[in-house]
N, C-alpha and C. Protein backbone atom coordinates (compact mmCIF):
# COMPACT_ATOMS: atom_id res chain seq x y z
N UNK A 1 14.66 -0.14 4.60
CA UNK A 1 14.05 1.14 4.90
C UNK A 1 14.12 2.03 3.66
N UNK A 2 13.02 2.72 3.41
CA UNK A 2 12.96 3.65 2.28
C UNK A 2 12.82 5.08 2.79
N UNK A 3 13.54 5.97 2.20
CA UNK A 3 13.47 7.40 2.56
C UNK A 3 12.69 8.14 1.49
N UNK A 4 11.75 8.98 1.93
CA UNK A 4 10.96 9.77 0.99
C UNK A 4 10.25 10.87 1.76
N UNK A 5 9.51 11.70 1.03
CA UNK A 5 8.68 12.69 1.69
C UNK A 5 7.56 11.97 2.43
N UNK A 6 7.16 12.52 3.57
CA UNK A 6 6.11 11.89 4.37
C UNK A 6 4.78 12.58 4.14
N UNK A 7 3.71 11.81 4.24
CA UNK A 7 2.36 12.32 4.05
C UNK A 7 1.58 12.21 5.34
N UNK A 8 0.60 13.10 5.52
CA UNK A 8 -0.26 13.02 6.70
C UNK A 8 -1.40 12.04 6.44
N UNK A 9 -2.37 11.98 7.35
CA UNK A 9 -3.49 11.04 7.23
C UNK A 9 -4.38 11.30 6.03
N UNK A 10 -4.32 12.52 5.48
CA UNK A 10 -5.10 12.87 4.29
C UNK A 10 -4.27 12.73 3.01
N UNK A 11 -3.10 12.15 3.13
CA UNK A 11 -2.17 11.94 2.03
C UNK A 11 -1.67 13.26 1.42
N UNK A 12 -1.56 14.28 2.25
CA UNK A 12 -0.96 15.54 1.86
C UNK A 12 0.48 15.55 2.39
N UNK A 13 1.39 16.19 1.64
CA UNK A 13 2.78 16.28 2.09
C UNK A 13 2.84 17.08 3.39
N UNK A 14 3.59 16.57 4.35
CA UNK A 14 3.75 17.26 5.63
C UNK A 14 4.70 18.44 5.41
N UNK A 15 4.17 19.63 5.58
CA UNK A 15 4.92 20.87 5.35
C UNK A 15 5.48 21.37 6.67
N UNK A 16 6.79 21.52 6.74
CA UNK A 16 7.45 22.01 7.95
C UNK A 16 7.83 23.48 7.84
N UNK A 17 7.16 24.18 6.97
CA UNK A 17 7.47 25.59 6.77
C UNK A 17 8.30 25.78 5.53
N UNK A 18 9.61 25.78 5.69
CA UNK A 18 10.50 25.99 4.56
C UNK A 18 10.92 24.69 3.88
N UNK A 19 10.52 23.56 4.42
CA UNK A 19 10.85 22.27 3.81
C UNK A 19 9.75 21.26 4.11
N UNK A 20 9.84 20.11 3.45
CA UNK A 20 8.89 19.04 3.68
C UNK A 20 9.51 17.97 4.56
N UNK A 21 8.67 17.30 5.31
CA UNK A 21 9.14 16.24 6.20
C UNK A 21 9.64 15.06 5.38
N UNK A 22 10.79 14.53 5.76
CA UNK A 22 11.35 13.35 5.12
C UNK A 22 11.60 12.30 6.19
N UNK A 23 11.56 11.03 5.78
CA UNK A 23 11.85 9.96 6.74
C UNK A 23 11.54 8.61 6.14
N UNK A 24 11.44 7.61 7.01
CA UNK A 24 11.17 6.24 6.59
C UNK A 24 9.75 6.17 6.03
N UNK A 25 9.65 5.84 4.75
CA UNK A 25 8.34 5.81 4.07
C UNK A 25 7.86 4.39 3.76
N UNK A 26 8.48 3.39 4.36
CA UNK A 26 8.12 2.00 4.07
C UNK A 26 6.65 1.74 4.32
N UNK A 27 6.18 2.10 5.51
CA UNK A 27 4.78 1.86 5.86
C UNK A 27 3.85 2.63 4.93
N UNK A 28 4.18 3.84 4.61
CA UNK A 28 3.38 4.65 3.69
C UNK A 28 3.35 4.03 2.30
N UNK A 29 4.48 3.54 1.82
CA UNK A 29 4.54 2.91 0.49
C UNK A 29 3.63 1.69 0.42
N UNK A 30 3.65 0.87 1.47
CA UNK A 30 2.80 -0.33 1.51
C UNK A 30 1.33 0.08 1.54
N UNK A 31 1.01 1.09 2.35
CA UNK A 31 -0.38 1.57 2.44
C UNK A 31 -0.87 2.09 1.09
N UNK A 32 -0.04 2.84 0.40
CA UNK A 32 -0.44 3.39 -0.90
C UNK A 32 -0.62 2.28 -1.94
N UNK A 33 0.24 1.29 -1.94
CA UNK A 33 0.06 0.16 -2.86
C UNK A 33 -1.25 -0.55 -2.56
N UNK A 34 -1.54 -0.77 -1.28
CA UNK A 34 -2.75 -1.47 -0.86
C UNK A 34 -4.01 -0.71 -1.28
N UNK A 35 -4.01 0.60 -1.12
CA UNK A 35 -5.21 1.40 -1.36
C UNK A 35 -5.44 1.79 -2.81
N UNK A 36 -4.39 2.08 -3.56
CA UNK A 36 -4.57 2.60 -4.91
C UNK A 36 -4.89 1.51 -5.92
N UNK A 37 -5.63 1.90 -6.94
CA UNK A 37 -5.94 1.00 -8.06
C UNK A 37 -4.89 1.16 -9.14
N UNK A 38 -4.79 0.16 -9.97
CA UNK A 38 -3.92 0.28 -11.14
C UNK A 38 -4.42 1.48 -11.96
N UNK A 39 -3.49 2.29 -12.42
CA UNK A 39 -3.85 3.47 -13.20
C UNK A 39 -3.96 4.74 -12.38
N UNK A 40 -4.01 4.65 -11.06
CA UNK A 40 -4.09 5.85 -10.21
C UNK A 40 -2.80 6.65 -10.23
N UNK A 41 -1.68 5.98 -10.41
CA UNK A 41 -0.38 6.63 -10.40
C UNK A 41 0.12 6.72 -11.85
N UNK A 42 0.21 7.93 -12.36
CA UNK A 42 0.63 8.12 -13.76
C UNK A 42 2.02 7.56 -14.04
N UNK A 43 2.92 7.73 -13.09
CA UNK A 43 4.30 7.29 -13.31
C UNK A 43 4.41 5.76 -13.33
N UNK A 44 3.57 5.09 -12.54
CA UNK A 44 3.58 3.62 -12.46
C UNK A 44 2.16 3.10 -12.64
N UNK A 45 1.62 3.15 -13.86
CA UNK A 45 0.21 2.82 -14.08
C UNK A 45 -0.18 1.37 -13.80
N UNK A 46 0.78 0.47 -13.75
CA UNK A 46 0.46 -0.94 -13.49
C UNK A 46 0.64 -1.31 -12.02
N UNK A 47 0.91 -0.32 -11.18
CA UNK A 47 1.08 -0.55 -9.75
C UNK A 47 -0.20 -0.21 -9.01
N UNK A 48 -0.53 -0.98 -8.00
CA UNK A 48 -1.70 -0.72 -7.17
C UNK A 48 -2.53 -1.97 -6.99
N UNK A 49 -3.00 -2.16 -5.76
CA UNK A 49 -3.78 -3.35 -5.43
C UNK A 49 -5.29 -3.09 -5.50
N UNK A 50 -5.73 -1.90 -5.13
CA UNK A 50 -7.16 -1.57 -5.20
C UNK A 50 -8.00 -2.28 -4.16
N UNK A 51 -7.63 -2.14 -2.88
CA UNK A 51 -8.31 -2.86 -1.80
C UNK A 51 -9.80 -2.55 -1.74
N UNK A 52 -10.18 -1.30 -1.88
CA UNK A 52 -11.61 -0.95 -1.76
C UNK A 52 -12.44 -1.67 -2.81
N UNK A 53 -11.99 -1.68 -4.03
CA UNK A 53 -12.70 -2.36 -5.11
C UNK A 53 -12.78 -3.86 -4.84
N UNK A 54 -11.69 -4.43 -4.37
CA UNK A 54 -11.65 -5.88 -4.12
C UNK A 54 -12.55 -6.28 -2.96
N UNK A 55 -12.63 -5.42 -1.94
CA UNK A 55 -13.44 -5.75 -0.77
C UNK A 55 -14.94 -5.64 -1.06
N UNK A 56 -15.31 -4.90 -2.09
CA UNK A 56 -16.72 -4.79 -2.47
C UNK A 56 -17.21 -6.01 -3.24
N UNK A 57 -16.28 -6.76 -3.82
CA UNK A 57 -16.62 -7.93 -4.62
C UNK A 57 -16.43 -9.19 -3.77
N UNK A 58 -17.03 -10.28 -4.24
CA UNK A 58 -16.75 -11.56 -3.60
C UNK A 58 -15.33 -11.94 -3.94
N UNK A 59 -14.58 -12.31 -2.93
CA UNK A 59 -13.18 -12.64 -3.18
C UNK A 59 -12.76 -13.81 -2.31
N UNK A 60 -11.98 -14.65 -2.89
CA UNK A 60 -11.39 -15.78 -2.19
C UNK A 60 -10.21 -15.25 -1.37
N UNK A 61 -10.14 -15.63 -0.09
CA UNK A 61 -9.08 -15.12 0.79
C UNK A 61 -7.69 -15.48 0.28
N UNK A 62 -7.51 -16.69 -0.22
CA UNK A 62 -6.20 -17.10 -0.72
C UNK A 62 -5.81 -16.27 -1.94
N UNK A 63 -6.77 -16.00 -2.81
CA UNK A 63 -6.49 -15.18 -3.99
C UNK A 63 -6.13 -13.75 -3.56
N UNK A 64 -6.85 -13.23 -2.58
CA UNK A 64 -6.59 -11.89 -2.06
C UNK A 64 -5.14 -11.79 -1.56
N UNK A 65 -4.73 -12.74 -0.73
CA UNK A 65 -3.37 -12.74 -0.17
C UNK A 65 -2.34 -12.93 -1.27
N UNK A 66 -2.59 -13.86 -2.19
CA UNK A 66 -1.63 -14.13 -3.27
C UNK A 66 -1.43 -12.88 -4.13
N UNK A 67 -2.52 -12.23 -4.53
CA UNK A 67 -2.41 -11.05 -5.40
C UNK A 67 -1.80 -9.85 -4.68
N UNK A 68 -2.10 -9.69 -3.39
CA UNK A 68 -1.48 -8.62 -2.61
C UNK A 68 0.02 -8.89 -2.45
N UNK A 69 0.38 -10.13 -2.20
CA UNK A 69 1.79 -10.51 -2.09
C UNK A 69 2.54 -10.19 -3.38
N UNK A 70 1.96 -10.57 -4.50
CA UNK A 70 2.60 -10.31 -5.80
C UNK A 70 2.77 -8.81 -6.02
N UNK A 71 1.75 -8.04 -5.70
CA UNK A 71 1.82 -6.58 -5.90
C UNK A 71 2.93 -5.97 -5.05
N UNK A 72 3.07 -6.41 -3.81
CA UNK A 72 4.11 -5.88 -2.94
C UNK A 72 5.50 -6.37 -3.37
N UNK A 73 5.59 -7.62 -3.82
CA UNK A 73 6.87 -8.12 -4.31
C UNK A 73 7.31 -7.38 -5.56
N UNK A 74 6.37 -6.94 -6.38
CA UNK A 74 6.71 -6.16 -7.58
C UNK A 74 7.38 -4.83 -7.21
N UNK A 75 7.17 -4.37 -5.98
CA UNK A 75 7.79 -3.14 -5.51
C UNK A 75 8.95 -3.45 -4.55
N UNK A 76 9.51 -4.65 -4.66
CA UNK A 76 10.70 -5.08 -3.91
C UNK A 76 10.48 -5.31 -2.42
N UNK A 77 9.25 -5.57 -2.00
CA UNK A 77 8.99 -5.92 -0.62
C UNK A 77 8.93 -7.43 -0.49
N UNK A 78 9.20 -7.94 0.71
CA UNK A 78 9.04 -9.35 1.03
C UNK A 78 7.97 -9.43 2.12
N UNK A 79 6.70 -9.43 1.73
CA UNK A 79 5.63 -9.29 2.72
C UNK A 79 5.25 -10.59 3.43
N UNK A 80 4.74 -10.39 4.63
CA UNK A 80 4.08 -11.43 5.40
C UNK A 80 2.69 -10.88 5.68
N UNK A 81 1.65 -11.58 5.23
CA UNK A 81 0.29 -11.05 5.33
C UNK A 81 -0.54 -11.97 6.22
N UNK A 82 -1.12 -11.39 7.27
CA UNK A 82 -1.95 -12.13 8.22
C UNK A 82 -3.39 -11.64 8.06
N UNK A 83 -4.29 -12.55 7.72
CA UNK A 83 -5.70 -12.18 7.56
C UNK A 83 -6.58 -12.86 8.60
N UNK A 84 -6.01 -13.20 9.75
CA UNK A 84 -6.78 -13.88 10.79
C UNK A 84 -7.91 -13.00 11.33
N UNK A 85 -7.81 -11.69 11.18
CA UNK A 85 -8.88 -10.76 11.59
C UNK A 85 -9.83 -10.47 10.43
N UNK A 86 -9.68 -11.18 9.32
CA UNK A 86 -10.50 -10.95 8.13
C UNK A 86 -9.72 -10.18 7.09
N UNK A 87 -10.15 -10.28 5.83
CA UNK A 87 -9.42 -9.60 4.77
C UNK A 87 -9.62 -8.10 4.78
N UNK A 88 -10.62 -7.61 5.51
CA UNK A 88 -10.81 -6.16 5.59
C UNK A 88 -9.83 -5.51 6.57
N UNK A 89 -9.12 -6.33 7.37
CA UNK A 89 -8.15 -5.81 8.31
C UNK A 89 -6.86 -6.64 8.25
N UNK A 90 -6.22 -6.67 7.11
CA UNK A 90 -4.98 -7.47 7.03
C UNK A 90 -3.85 -6.82 7.80
N UNK A 91 -2.98 -7.66 8.33
CA UNK A 91 -1.76 -7.18 8.97
C UNK A 91 -0.63 -7.51 8.00
N UNK A 92 0.01 -6.45 7.50
CA UNK A 92 1.04 -6.61 6.48
C UNK A 92 2.38 -6.21 7.09
N UNK A 93 3.30 -7.15 7.10
CA UNK A 93 4.65 -6.87 7.59
C UNK A 93 5.61 -7.03 6.41
N UNK A 94 6.52 -6.07 6.29
CA UNK A 94 7.53 -6.12 5.22
C UNK A 94 8.91 -6.00 5.80
């Protein structure tokens, strides 16, 4: 479990008035890795899977899973990825 500030559906920090919401950010961390492209995060420019870009191109399902697994493992996750519903709707468990 990872603790961090929590974001809403628009990826804005959840503001509780005088403080920000904190809690388990594991699911959020995986979602951000999945969605962001390399270079989107200044602090970690080599992190990011870039799902939108990948889904627009022709992609081999095995390559998709392998590269997503590597990206998540680089951030210390041990993922299990199920693409039985298609690569546009992967089920990622960490």
